[in-house]
N, C-alpha and C. Protein backbone atom coordinates (compact mmCIF):
# COMPACT_ATOMS: atom_id res chain seq x y z
N MET A 1 57.32 109.01 125.48
CA MET A 1 58.27 108.33 124.59
C MET A 1 59.65 108.29 125.24
N LYS A 2 60.21 107.13 125.39
CA LYS A 2 61.52 106.99 126.01
C LYS A 2 62.61 107.42 125.04
N VAL A 3 63.45 108.35 125.48
CA VAL A 3 64.48 108.92 124.60
C VAL A 3 65.47 107.87 124.14
N PHE A 4 65.83 106.96 125.06
CA PHE A 4 66.88 105.98 124.73
C PHE A 4 66.32 104.61 124.35
N ASP A 5 65.03 104.56 124.09
CA ASP A 5 64.41 103.33 123.61
C ASP A 5 64.89 103.06 122.19
N ILE A 6 65.32 101.83 121.90
CA ILE A 6 65.85 101.51 120.58
C ILE A 6 64.77 101.59 119.51
N ASP A 7 63.47 101.57 119.94
CA ASP A 7 62.38 101.68 118.98
C ASP A 7 61.96 103.13 118.78
N ASN A 8 62.63 104.05 119.48
CA ASN A 8 62.35 105.47 119.33
C ASN A 8 62.61 105.88 117.87
N PRO A 9 61.68 106.64 117.24
CA PRO A 9 61.84 107.05 115.84
C PRO A 9 63.16 107.77 115.56
N VAL A 10 63.63 108.57 116.55
CA VAL A 10 64.88 109.31 116.37
C VAL A 10 66.05 108.34 116.25
N TRP A 11 66.12 107.39 117.19
CA TRP A 11 67.20 106.41 117.16
C TRP A 11 67.08 105.50 115.95
N SER A 12 65.84 105.19 115.56
CA SER A 12 65.62 104.36 114.39
C SER A 12 66.15 105.05 113.13
N THR A 13 65.92 106.37 113.05
CA THR A 13 66.41 107.14 111.91
C THR A 13 67.92 107.16 111.86
N PHE A 14 68.54 107.43 113.04
CA PHE A 14 70.01 107.44 113.10
C PHE A 14 70.58 106.08 112.75
N SER A 15 69.88 105.02 113.18
CA SER A 15 70.34 103.67 112.89
C SER A 15 70.32 103.40 111.39
N LYS A 16 69.28 103.88 110.70
CA LYS A 16 69.17 103.67 109.26
C LYS A 16 70.24 104.47 108.51
N ILE A 17 70.50 105.69 108.99
CA ILE A 17 71.55 106.50 108.36
C ILE A 17 72.91 105.83 108.54
N PHE A 18 73.14 105.30 109.74
CA PHE A 18 74.40 104.60 110.02
C PHE A 18 74.53 103.37 109.12
N ASP A 19 73.41 102.66 108.93
CA ASP A 19 73.42 101.48 108.05
C ASP A 19 73.80 101.88 106.62
N LEU A 20 73.28 103.00 106.16
CA LEU A 20 73.59 103.47 104.80
C LEU A 20 75.07 103.82 104.67
N ILE A 21 75.62 104.43 105.71
CA ILE A 21 77.04 104.79 105.70
C ILE A 21 77.91 103.53 105.66
N VAL A 22 77.57 102.57 106.51
CA VAL A 22 78.31 101.30 106.55
C VAL A 22 78.20 100.59 105.21
N LEU A 23 77.00 100.55 104.66
CA LEU A 23 76.77 99.90 103.37
C LEU A 23 77.57 100.58 102.27
N ASN A 24 77.62 101.89 102.30
CA ASN A 24 78.37 102.66 101.29
C ASN A 24 79.86 102.35 101.38
N ILE A 25 80.36 102.23 102.60
CA ILE A 25 81.79 101.97 102.81
C ILE A 25 82.18 100.59 102.29
N ILE A 26 81.40 99.57 102.64
CA ILE A 26 81.75 98.22 102.19
C ILE A 26 81.56 98.09 100.67
N PHE A 27 80.62 98.86 100.13
CA PHE A 27 80.44 98.87 98.68
C PHE A 27 81.68 99.44 98.00
N LEU A 28 82.17 100.56 98.49
CA LEU A 28 83.36 101.19 97.90
C LEU A 28 84.59 100.30 98.05
N ILE A 29 84.72 99.66 99.20
CA ILE A 29 85.86 98.77 99.44
C ILE A 29 85.84 97.59 98.48
N SER A 30 84.64 97.02 98.28
CA SER A 30 84.54 95.85 97.40
C SER A 30 84.63 96.22 95.92
N CYS A 31 84.62 97.52 95.61
CA CYS A 31 84.81 97.97 94.23
C CYS A 31 86.28 98.18 93.88
N ILE A 32 87.14 98.18 94.89
CA ILE A 32 88.56 98.48 94.69
C ILE A 32 89.25 97.58 93.66
N PRO A 33 88.97 96.26 93.66
CA PRO A 33 89.62 95.43 92.63
C PRO A 33 89.17 95.73 91.19
N ILE A 34 88.19 96.60 91.05
CA ILE A 34 87.63 97.04 89.75
C ILE A 34 86.79 95.94 89.08
N ILE A 35 87.36 94.74 88.92
CA ILE A 35 86.61 93.67 88.26
C ILE A 35 85.41 93.22 89.10
N THR A 36 85.37 93.60 90.36
CA THR A 36 84.27 93.20 91.25
C THR A 36 83.17 94.27 91.33
N ILE A 37 83.29 95.33 90.54
CA ILE A 37 82.31 96.42 90.61
C ILE A 37 80.90 95.91 90.32
N SER A 38 80.75 95.08 89.30
CA SER A 38 79.42 94.58 88.96
C SER A 38 78.83 93.74 90.08
N THR A 39 79.67 92.94 90.74
CA THR A 39 79.20 92.14 91.87
C THR A 39 78.83 93.03 93.04
N ALA A 40 79.62 94.09 93.26
CA ALA A 40 79.35 95.03 94.34
C ALA A 40 78.04 95.77 94.12
N VAL A 41 77.78 96.17 92.88
CA VAL A 41 76.53 96.86 92.55
C VAL A 41 75.33 95.94 92.78
N THR A 42 75.47 94.69 92.39
CA THR A 42 74.41 93.71 92.60
C THR A 42 74.11 93.54 94.09
N ALA A 43 75.16 93.39 94.88
CA ALA A 43 75.00 93.23 96.33
C ALA A 43 74.41 94.48 96.97
N LEU A 44 74.78 95.65 96.45
CA LEU A 44 74.24 96.91 96.96
C LEU A 44 72.73 96.97 96.76
N TYR A 45 72.28 96.67 95.54
CA TYR A 45 70.84 96.70 95.27
C TYR A 45 70.10 95.62 96.05
N TYR A 46 70.73 94.46 96.20
CA TYR A 46 70.11 93.38 96.98
C TYR A 46 69.81 93.87 98.39
N THR A 47 70.78 94.54 98.98
CA THR A 47 70.63 94.99 100.37
C THR A 47 69.63 96.13 100.49
N THR A 48 69.71 97.11 99.59
CA THR A 48 68.80 98.26 99.68
C THR A 48 67.35 97.86 99.39
N MET A 49 67.14 96.89 98.49
CA MET A 49 65.78 96.42 98.24
C MET A 49 65.22 95.71 99.46
N ARG A 50 66.08 95.04 100.19
CA ARG A 50 65.64 94.38 101.43
C ARG A 50 65.39 95.41 102.53
N ILE A 51 66.15 96.49 102.54
CA ILE A 51 65.91 97.56 103.51
C ILE A 51 64.53 98.18 103.27
N VAL A 52 64.23 98.46 101.99
CA VAL A 52 62.95 99.08 101.63
C VAL A 52 61.78 98.16 101.98
N SER A 53 61.95 96.85 101.76
CA SER A 53 60.87 95.91 102.04
C SER A 53 60.79 95.54 103.52
N GLY A 54 61.75 96.03 104.32
CA GLY A 54 61.73 95.76 105.76
C GLY A 54 62.24 94.40 106.13
N ASN A 55 63.05 93.78 105.27
CA ASN A 55 63.54 92.43 105.51
C ASN A 55 64.99 92.36 105.97
N VAL A 56 65.59 93.48 106.28
CA VAL A 56 67.00 93.48 106.63
C VAL A 56 67.19 93.82 108.10
N SER A 57 68.16 93.17 108.71
CA SER A 57 68.50 93.52 110.09
C SER A 57 69.98 93.87 110.20
N TYR A 58 70.83 93.14 109.43
CA TYR A 58 72.26 93.40 109.39
C TYR A 58 72.67 93.63 107.93
N VAL A 59 72.95 94.87 107.59
CA VAL A 59 73.26 95.18 106.18
C VAL A 59 74.52 94.48 105.70
N THR A 60 75.51 94.35 106.57
CA THR A 60 76.76 93.71 106.16
C THR A 60 76.55 92.24 105.83
N ARG A 61 75.74 91.57 106.63
CA ARG A 61 75.48 90.15 106.38
C ARG A 61 74.76 89.95 105.06
N ASP A 62 73.74 90.75 104.79
CA ASP A 62 72.99 90.63 103.54
C ASP A 62 73.86 91.00 102.33
N TYR A 63 74.67 92.02 102.51
CA TYR A 63 75.54 92.46 101.41
C TYR A 63 76.49 91.35 100.99
N TRP A 64 77.21 90.80 101.96
CA TRP A 64 78.20 89.77 101.64
C TRP A 64 77.56 88.47 101.20
N LYS A 65 76.33 88.21 101.65
CA LYS A 65 75.59 87.02 101.22
C LYS A 65 75.34 87.10 99.71
N SER A 66 74.84 88.25 99.26
CA SER A 66 74.60 88.44 97.83
C SER A 66 75.91 88.48 97.05
N PHE A 67 76.93 89.11 97.62
CA PHE A 67 78.22 89.22 96.95
C PHE A 67 78.78 87.83 96.63
N LYS A 68 78.68 86.92 97.59
CA LYS A 68 79.21 85.57 97.39
C LYS A 68 78.34 84.76 96.43
N GLU A 69 77.02 84.84 96.61
CA GLU A 69 76.11 84.02 95.81
C GLU A 69 76.11 84.43 94.34
N ASN A 70 76.24 85.73 94.08
CA ASN A 70 76.13 86.23 92.71
C ASN A 70 77.48 86.59 92.07
N PHE A 71 78.56 86.25 92.75
CA PHE A 71 79.88 86.69 92.32
C PHE A 71 80.18 86.32 90.86
N LYS A 72 80.05 85.05 90.53
CA LYS A 72 80.43 84.57 89.20
C LYS A 72 79.54 85.17 88.12
N GLN A 73 78.21 85.09 88.31
CA GLN A 73 77.30 85.60 87.28
C GLN A 73 77.40 87.12 87.13
N ALA A 74 77.54 87.81 88.25
CA ALA A 74 77.68 89.27 88.19
C ALA A 74 78.97 89.67 87.48
N LEU A 75 80.02 88.90 87.70
CA LEU A 75 81.31 89.17 87.06
C LEU A 75 81.20 89.02 85.54
N VAL A 76 80.58 87.91 85.10
CA VAL A 76 80.39 87.67 83.66
C VAL A 76 79.48 88.75 83.06
N THR A 77 78.41 89.07 83.77
CA THR A 77 77.47 90.10 83.31
C THR A 77 78.17 91.45 83.18
N GLY A 78 79.01 91.75 84.14
CA GLY A 78 79.74 93.02 84.12
C GLY A 78 80.68 93.11 82.94
N VAL A 79 81.35 92.02 82.62
CA VAL A 79 82.27 91.99 81.48
C VAL A 79 81.50 92.23 80.18
N ILE A 80 80.34 91.58 80.05
CA ILE A 80 79.52 91.75 78.84
C ILE A 80 79.04 93.20 78.72
N VAL A 81 78.55 93.75 79.82
CA VAL A 81 78.08 95.14 79.82
C VAL A 81 79.21 96.10 79.45
N PHE A 82 80.37 95.87 80.01
CA PHE A 82 81.52 96.73 79.72
C PHE A 82 81.91 96.65 78.25
N ASP A 83 81.99 95.44 77.72
CA ASP A 83 82.40 95.26 76.32
C ASP A 83 81.40 95.90 75.35
N VAL A 84 80.12 95.66 75.58
CA VAL A 84 79.09 96.25 74.71
C VAL A 84 79.10 97.76 74.83
N GLY A 85 79.28 98.26 76.06
CA GLY A 85 79.33 99.70 76.29
C GLY A 85 80.49 100.36 75.57
N VAL A 86 81.65 99.72 75.58
CA VAL A 86 82.83 100.25 74.90
C VAL A 86 82.60 100.28 73.39
N ILE A 87 82.02 99.20 72.86
CA ILE A 87 81.76 99.13 71.41
C ILE A 87 80.77 100.23 70.99
N LEU A 88 79.70 100.38 71.75
CA LEU A 88 78.70 101.41 71.44
C LEU A 88 79.29 102.81 71.53
N ALA A 89 80.11 103.04 72.56
CA ALA A 89 80.74 104.35 72.73
C ALA A 89 81.68 104.66 71.56
N PHE A 90 82.42 103.64 71.14
CA PHE A 90 83.35 103.82 70.02
C PHE A 90 82.60 104.10 68.72
N MET A 91 81.52 103.36 68.48
CA MET A 91 80.73 103.56 67.26
C MET A 91 80.06 104.93 67.27
N THR A 92 79.61 105.35 68.44
CA THR A 92 78.99 106.67 68.56
C THR A 92 80.03 107.76 68.28
N TYR A 93 81.22 107.57 68.82
CA TYR A 93 82.32 108.52 68.58
C TYR A 93 82.64 108.63 67.10
N LEU A 94 82.71 107.49 66.42
CA LEU A 94 83.01 107.48 64.98
C LEU A 94 81.91 108.17 64.18
N SER A 95 80.65 107.96 64.58
CA SER A 95 79.54 108.57 63.85
C SER A 95 79.56 110.10 63.96
N TYR A 96 79.97 110.59 65.13
CA TYR A 96 80.06 112.05 65.31
C TYR A 96 81.31 112.59 64.62
N LEU A 97 82.34 111.78 64.61
CA LEU A 97 83.59 112.19 63.98
C LEU A 97 83.41 112.33 62.47
N SER A 98 82.64 111.42 61.90
CA SER A 98 82.40 111.44 60.46
C SER A 98 81.24 112.36 60.08
N ASP A 99 80.57 112.88 61.10
CA ASP A 99 79.43 113.78 60.90
C ASP A 99 78.31 113.13 60.09
N ALA A 100 78.12 111.82 60.35
CA ALA A 100 77.05 111.07 59.67
C ALA A 100 75.77 111.22 60.48
N TYR A 101 74.78 111.92 59.93
CA TYR A 101 73.55 112.23 60.67
C TYR A 101 72.81 110.97 61.11
N LEU A 102 72.62 110.04 60.17
CA LEU A 102 71.91 108.81 60.49
C LEU A 102 72.65 108.01 61.56
N GLY A 103 73.97 107.96 61.42
CA GLY A 103 74.78 107.24 62.41
C GLY A 103 74.66 107.86 63.79
N LYS A 104 74.64 109.19 63.85
CA LYS A 104 74.49 109.89 65.13
C LYS A 104 73.18 109.51 65.81
N VAL A 105 72.11 109.53 65.02
CA VAL A 105 70.79 109.23 65.56
C VAL A 105 70.71 107.78 66.04
N VAL A 106 71.15 106.87 65.17
CA VAL A 106 71.07 105.44 65.48
C VAL A 106 71.86 105.08 66.74
N PHE A 107 73.10 105.53 66.80
CA PHE A 107 73.95 105.14 67.93
C PHE A 107 73.62 105.91 69.21
N THR A 108 73.11 107.13 69.09
CA THR A 108 72.68 107.87 70.27
C THR A 108 71.47 107.18 70.91
N VAL A 109 70.53 106.78 70.07
CA VAL A 109 69.36 106.05 70.55
C VAL A 109 69.79 104.71 71.16
N ALA A 110 70.73 104.03 70.49
CA ALA A 110 71.23 102.75 71.00
C ALA A 110 71.90 102.93 72.35
N ASP A 111 72.63 104.01 72.53
CA ASP A 111 73.30 104.30 73.81
C ASP A 111 72.27 104.48 74.92
N VAL A 112 71.21 105.23 74.63
CA VAL A 112 70.18 105.50 75.63
C VAL A 112 69.45 104.21 76.01
N LEU A 113 69.09 103.41 75.01
CA LEU A 113 68.41 102.14 75.27
C LEU A 113 69.30 101.19 76.06
N PHE A 114 70.57 101.16 75.71
CA PHE A 114 71.52 100.31 76.42
C PHE A 114 71.64 100.74 77.88
N ALA A 115 71.75 102.04 78.11
CA ALA A 115 71.84 102.56 79.47
C ALA A 115 70.58 102.22 80.26
N GLY A 116 69.42 102.32 79.58
CA GLY A 116 68.16 101.98 80.24
C GLY A 116 68.12 100.52 80.64
N ALA A 117 68.56 99.64 79.74
CA ALA A 117 68.57 98.20 80.04
C ALA A 117 69.53 97.88 81.17
N VAL A 118 70.71 98.51 81.15
CA VAL A 118 71.71 98.28 82.20
C VAL A 118 71.18 98.69 83.57
N SER A 119 70.34 99.72 83.60
CA SER A 119 69.81 100.19 84.88
C SER A 119 68.92 99.14 85.55
N TYR A 120 68.46 98.16 84.76
CA TYR A 120 67.64 97.07 85.32
C TYR A 120 68.44 95.78 85.56
N ILE A 121 69.55 95.64 84.86
CA ILE A 121 70.27 94.36 84.88
C ILE A 121 70.72 93.93 86.28
N PHE A 122 71.46 94.79 86.96
CA PHE A 122 72.03 94.38 88.24
C PHE A 122 70.99 94.31 89.37
N PRO A 123 70.01 95.21 89.41
CA PRO A 123 68.92 95.02 90.38
C PRO A 123 68.16 93.72 90.12
N SER A 124 67.94 93.37 88.83
CA SER A 124 67.25 92.13 88.49
C SER A 124 68.06 90.92 88.93
N LEU A 125 69.36 90.98 88.72
CA LEU A 125 70.24 89.90 89.15
C LEU A 125 70.20 89.74 90.66
N ALA A 126 70.08 90.86 91.37
CA ALA A 126 70.01 90.82 92.83
C ALA A 126 68.70 90.21 93.33
N LYS A 127 67.64 90.36 92.52
CA LYS A 127 66.31 89.94 92.96
C LYS A 127 65.93 88.54 92.51
N PHE A 128 66.34 88.16 91.29
CA PHE A 128 65.88 86.89 90.71
C PHE A 128 67.03 85.93 90.41
N LYS A 129 66.67 84.67 90.33
CA LYS A 129 67.60 83.63 89.91
C LYS A 129 67.28 83.26 88.47
N MET A 130 68.15 83.60 87.53
CA MET A 130 67.93 83.28 86.12
C MET A 130 69.26 83.25 85.39
N ASP A 131 69.27 82.63 84.21
CA ASP A 131 70.52 82.59 83.45
C ASP A 131 70.80 83.97 82.86
N THR A 132 72.05 84.18 82.45
CA THR A 132 72.50 85.50 82.01
C THR A 132 71.77 85.98 80.76
N GLY A 133 71.49 85.07 79.82
CA GLY A 133 70.77 85.45 78.61
C GLY A 133 69.39 85.98 78.92
N LYS A 134 68.67 85.29 79.79
CA LYS A 134 67.33 85.73 80.18
C LYS A 134 67.40 87.04 80.96
N LEU A 135 68.46 87.20 81.74
CA LEU A 135 68.65 88.43 82.51
C LEU A 135 68.71 89.65 81.58
N PHE A 136 69.50 89.54 80.51
CA PHE A 136 69.61 90.64 79.55
C PHE A 136 68.30 90.84 78.79
N TYR A 137 67.66 89.75 78.41
CA TYR A 137 66.41 89.83 77.67
C TYR A 137 65.33 90.53 78.50
N ASN A 138 65.16 90.10 79.75
CA ASN A 138 64.14 90.69 80.62
C ASN A 138 64.42 92.16 80.92
N SER A 139 65.69 92.48 81.12
CA SER A 139 66.06 93.87 81.42
C SER A 139 65.77 94.77 80.22
N PHE A 140 66.03 94.25 79.03
CA PHE A 140 65.75 95.02 77.81
C PHE A 140 64.25 95.25 77.66
N LEU A 141 63.45 94.22 77.95
CA LEU A 141 62.00 94.36 77.86
C LEU A 141 61.47 95.38 78.88
N MET A 142 61.99 95.32 80.10
CA MET A 142 61.52 96.24 81.14
C MET A 142 61.83 97.70 80.79
N THR A 143 62.86 97.91 79.99
CA THR A 143 63.19 99.26 79.54
C THR A 143 62.01 99.89 78.80
N PHE A 144 61.28 99.07 78.04
CA PHE A 144 60.14 99.56 77.26
C PHE A 144 58.83 99.44 78.02
N VAL A 145 58.69 98.37 78.80
CA VAL A 145 57.44 98.15 79.52
C VAL A 145 57.24 99.18 80.63
N HIS A 146 58.34 99.57 81.26
CA HIS A 146 58.26 100.52 82.37
C HIS A 146 59.01 101.81 82.03
N VAL A 147 58.55 102.46 80.97
CA VAL A 147 59.21 103.66 80.47
C VAL A 147 59.36 104.76 81.54
N PRO A 148 58.31 105.08 82.32
CA PRO A 148 58.47 106.14 83.35
C PRO A 148 59.60 105.84 84.33
N PHE A 149 59.71 104.56 84.74
CA PHE A 149 60.77 104.19 85.68
C PHE A 149 62.14 104.15 85.00
N THR A 150 62.15 103.82 83.72
CA THR A 150 63.40 103.87 82.97
C THR A 150 63.92 105.30 82.92
N ILE A 151 63.00 106.23 82.68
CA ILE A 151 63.36 107.65 82.66
C ILE A 151 63.86 108.09 84.04
N LEU A 152 63.20 107.59 85.08
CA LEU A 152 63.64 107.91 86.45
C LEU A 152 65.05 107.40 86.69
N ASN A 153 65.32 106.16 86.28
CA ASN A 153 66.66 105.58 86.45
C ASN A 153 67.72 106.42 85.76
N LEU A 154 67.46 106.75 84.49
CA LEU A 154 68.42 107.53 83.73
C LEU A 154 68.54 108.94 84.28
N GLY A 155 67.42 109.49 84.75
CA GLY A 155 67.44 110.83 85.34
C GLY A 155 68.29 110.88 86.59
N VAL A 156 68.15 109.87 87.44
CA VAL A 156 68.95 109.81 88.68
C VAL A 156 70.43 109.72 88.34
N LEU A 157 70.78 108.89 87.37
CA LEU A 157 72.18 108.74 86.97
C LEU A 157 72.73 110.03 86.37
N PHE A 158 71.90 110.69 85.54
CA PHE A 158 72.33 111.94 84.90
C PHE A 158 72.55 113.04 85.94
N ILE A 159 71.59 113.19 86.85
CA ILE A 159 71.70 114.22 87.88
C ILE A 159 72.90 113.96 88.79
N THR A 160 73.12 112.68 89.12
CA THR A 160 74.27 112.32 89.96
C THR A 160 75.58 112.66 89.25
N GLY A 161 75.66 112.28 87.98
CA GLY A 161 76.87 112.58 87.20
C GLY A 161 77.12 114.06 87.08
N LEU A 162 76.06 114.82 86.85
CA LEU A 162 76.17 116.27 86.74
C LEU A 162 76.61 116.88 88.07
N GLY A 163 76.04 116.34 89.15
CA GLY A 163 76.41 116.83 90.49
C GLY A 163 77.87 116.56 90.81
N VAL A 164 78.35 115.37 90.43
CA VAL A 164 79.75 115.03 90.66
C VAL A 164 80.67 115.96 89.88
N TYR A 165 80.25 116.30 88.67
CA TYR A 165 81.05 117.18 87.81
C TYR A 165 81.09 118.61 88.34
N LEU A 166 79.98 119.07 88.91
CA LEU A 166 79.87 120.48 89.30
C LEU A 166 80.17 120.77 90.77
N SER A 167 79.97 119.78 91.63
CA SER A 167 80.05 120.06 93.07
C SER A 167 80.97 119.11 93.84
N ILE A 168 81.84 119.69 94.64
CA ILE A 168 82.72 118.90 95.52
C ILE A 168 81.89 118.24 96.61
N LEU A 169 80.84 118.96 97.07
CA LEU A 169 79.97 118.44 98.13
C LEU A 169 79.33 117.12 97.70
N VAL A 170 78.88 117.05 96.46
CA VAL A 170 78.27 115.82 95.95
C VAL A 170 79.28 114.68 95.96
N ARG A 171 80.51 114.97 95.59
CA ARG A 171 81.56 113.95 95.59
C ARG A 171 81.81 113.43 97.00
N VAL A 172 81.81 114.34 97.96
CA VAL A 172 82.02 113.96 99.37
C VAL A 172 80.86 113.11 99.87
N LEU A 173 79.64 113.52 99.52
CA LEU A 173 78.45 112.77 99.94
C LEU A 173 78.45 111.37 99.35
N LEU A 174 78.91 111.25 98.11
CA LEU A 174 78.98 109.92 97.48
C LEU A 174 79.91 108.99 98.24
N ILE A 175 81.00 109.55 98.75
CA ILE A 175 81.96 108.74 99.50
C ILE A 175 81.37 108.25 100.81
N PHE A 176 80.58 109.10 101.46
CA PHE A 176 80.04 108.75 102.78
C PHE A 176 78.78 107.88 102.68
N CYS A 177 77.81 108.30 101.89
CA CYS A 177 76.57 107.52 101.83
C CYS A 177 75.82 107.68 100.51
N GLY A 178 76.44 108.34 99.55
CA GLY A 178 75.74 108.65 98.30
C GLY A 178 75.29 107.46 97.48
N PHE A 179 76.18 106.50 97.28
CA PHE A 179 75.84 105.35 96.44
C PHE A 179 74.72 104.51 97.07
N SER A 180 74.82 104.28 98.37
CA SER A 180 73.78 103.50 99.04
C SER A 180 72.46 104.26 99.09
N ALA A 181 72.51 105.59 99.23
CA ALA A 181 71.29 106.40 99.26
C ALA A 181 70.60 106.39 97.91
N ILE A 182 71.37 106.47 96.83
CA ILE A 182 70.81 106.43 95.47
C ILE A 182 70.17 105.06 95.21
N ALA A 183 70.87 104.00 95.59
CA ALA A 183 70.34 102.64 95.41
C ALA A 183 69.07 102.45 96.23
N LEU A 184 69.05 103.04 97.43
CA LEU A 184 67.86 102.95 98.28
C LEU A 184 66.68 103.65 97.63
N LEU A 185 66.92 104.82 97.06
CA LEU A 185 65.87 105.56 96.36
C LEU A 185 65.32 104.75 95.19
N GLN A 186 66.21 104.19 94.38
CA GLN A 186 65.76 103.40 93.23
C GLN A 186 65.05 102.13 93.65
N SER A 187 65.44 101.60 94.81
CA SER A 187 64.82 100.37 95.30
C SER A 187 63.34 100.55 95.61
N LEU A 188 62.92 101.79 95.84
CA LEU A 188 61.50 102.06 96.08
C LEU A 188 60.66 101.61 94.89
N TRP A 189 61.12 101.94 93.67
CA TRP A 189 60.35 101.51 92.51
C TRP A 189 60.79 100.16 91.96
N PHE A 190 62.03 99.76 92.24
CA PHE A 190 62.43 98.41 91.80
C PHE A 190 61.59 97.34 92.51
N ASN A 191 61.37 97.50 93.79
CA ASN A 191 60.55 96.54 94.52
C ASN A 191 59.13 96.50 93.95
N TYR A 192 58.62 97.67 93.59
CA TYR A 192 57.27 97.75 93.00
C TYR A 192 57.22 97.04 91.65
N ILE A 193 58.23 97.28 90.83
CA ILE A 193 58.28 96.67 89.50
C ILE A 193 58.46 95.16 89.58
N PHE A 194 59.44 94.74 90.37
CA PHE A 194 59.80 93.32 90.43
C PHE A 194 58.71 92.46 91.05
N ALA A 195 57.86 93.07 91.88
CA ALA A 195 56.77 92.32 92.50
C ALA A 195 55.84 91.73 91.44
N LYS A 196 55.77 92.39 90.29
CA LYS A 196 54.91 91.94 89.19
C LYS A 196 55.47 90.69 88.51
N TYR A 197 56.75 90.42 88.68
CA TYR A 197 57.40 89.33 87.96
C TYR A 197 57.84 88.17 88.87
N MET A 198 57.54 88.27 90.13
CA MET A 198 57.99 87.25 91.07
C MET A 198 57.22 85.95 90.88
N SER A 199 57.96 84.87 90.76
CA SER A 199 57.34 83.55 90.64
C SER A 199 56.97 83.03 92.02
N LYS A 200 56.31 81.89 92.05
CA LYS A 200 55.93 81.27 93.32
C LYS A 200 57.18 80.96 94.15
N GLU A 201 58.23 80.50 93.45
CA GLU A 201 59.48 80.17 94.13
C GLU A 201 60.13 81.43 94.72
N ASP A 202 60.07 82.53 93.98
CA ASP A 202 60.63 83.79 94.47
C ASP A 202 59.90 84.26 95.72
N ILE A 203 58.56 84.15 95.68
CA ILE A 203 57.75 84.57 96.82
C ILE A 203 58.04 83.71 98.03
N GLU A 204 58.17 82.41 97.81
CA GLU A 204 58.48 81.48 98.92
C GLU A 204 59.85 81.79 99.50
N ARG A 205 60.82 82.09 98.61
CA ARG A 205 62.17 82.43 99.08
C ARG A 205 62.15 83.72 99.90
N GLU A 206 61.35 84.70 99.45
CA GLU A 206 61.21 85.95 100.20
C GLU A 206 60.60 85.67 101.56
N GLY A 207 59.64 84.73 101.59
CA GLY A 207 59.00 84.38 102.85
C GLY A 207 59.98 83.78 103.84
N VAL A 208 60.87 82.92 103.32
CA VAL A 208 61.90 82.32 104.17
C VAL A 208 62.83 83.39 104.72
N TYR A 209 63.24 84.33 103.85
CA TYR A 209 64.11 85.42 104.27
C TYR A 209 63.44 86.27 105.35
N ARG A 210 62.11 86.49 105.18
CA ARG A 210 61.39 87.30 106.16
C ARG A 210 61.43 86.65 107.54
N GLU A 211 61.21 85.33 107.57
CA GLU A 211 61.25 84.61 108.84
C GLU A 211 62.64 84.67 109.46
N GLU A 212 63.66 84.54 108.61
CA GLU A 212 65.04 84.61 109.11
C GLU A 212 65.32 85.98 109.72
N GLU A 213 64.82 87.02 109.06
CA GLU A 213 65.07 88.38 109.53
C GLU A 213 64.29 88.67 110.81
N LYS A 214 63.09 88.12 110.93
CA LYS A 214 62.33 88.30 112.16
C LYS A 214 63.08 87.73 113.35
N LEU A 215 63.64 86.53 113.15
CA LEU A 215 64.42 85.91 114.22
C LEU A 215 65.68 86.71 114.53
N ALA A 216 66.34 87.21 113.46
CA ALA A 216 67.55 88.00 113.63
C ALA A 216 67.26 89.29 114.39
N LYS A 217 66.14 89.92 114.08
CA LYS A 217 65.77 91.16 114.76
C LYS A 217 65.48 90.93 116.23
N LYS A 218 64.81 89.80 116.53
CA LYS A 218 64.54 89.46 117.92
C LYS A 218 65.84 89.25 118.69
N GLU A 219 66.79 88.56 118.06
CA GLU A 219 68.09 88.32 118.69
C GLU A 219 68.84 89.62 118.91
N LYS A 220 68.78 90.49 117.90
CA LYS A 220 69.46 91.80 117.98
C LYS A 220 68.86 92.63 119.10
N LYS A 221 67.53 92.64 119.19
CA LYS A 221 66.86 93.43 120.22
C LYS A 221 67.18 92.90 121.61
N ALA A 222 67.24 91.56 121.73
CA ALA A 222 67.56 90.95 123.01
C ALA A 222 68.98 91.31 123.45
N LYS A 223 69.93 91.32 122.49
CA LYS A 223 71.31 91.68 122.80
C LYS A 223 71.41 93.14 123.21
N ASP A 224 70.66 94.03 122.52
CA ASP A 224 70.70 95.44 122.85
C ASP A 224 70.15 95.72 124.24
N ILE A 225 69.10 94.96 124.61
CA ILE A 225 68.51 95.13 125.94
C ILE A 225 69.47 94.67 127.02
N ASN A 226 70.16 93.53 126.73
CA ASN A 226 71.11 93.01 127.72
C ASN A 226 72.38 93.83 127.77
């Protein structure tokens, strides 16, 4: 095995880690305006799902491609998610403040279901082309249809939040590669789930992307050799 061969598993691993670090950095940078966070999250999942499926060669190119294409819809979706989240949080706060048992139960359950649906919204937007209403409807349905994965999504978010609260190391890791690593982990099951819902057009589009990436990889390999 050639140590400096670009196809060497060691170098391949380092290359993937470097890609995650780069992806994490551009994700954080594109979140700085705040209003672009939803678009950044969409682009992040778009890129990590392509990494998992083996369709990516340049993470920056894929990231910015999704960022531009989904900018408007992701922005609108993000505003809706934020507004509904604020309303639910406020109603939950009032129910606990008034010590209304039924209100506590209803709004706590609503919060969990909302969080579950949101965990599918931006990955779905990254994967499929659909109007915003259908995006919310499908994401809400997937919350119930894929309960084990919904629990996984919420579990990952809960553990991450707890880690950020308790450990400085977790906060540091998030800055370097944490967000991209978490998205990559979730992309393992998102790709599995979304494959069940892909239309003929989606499959054809994926096929075109695969051919584009094959050519890009050949070009990249040729440049590295030269």
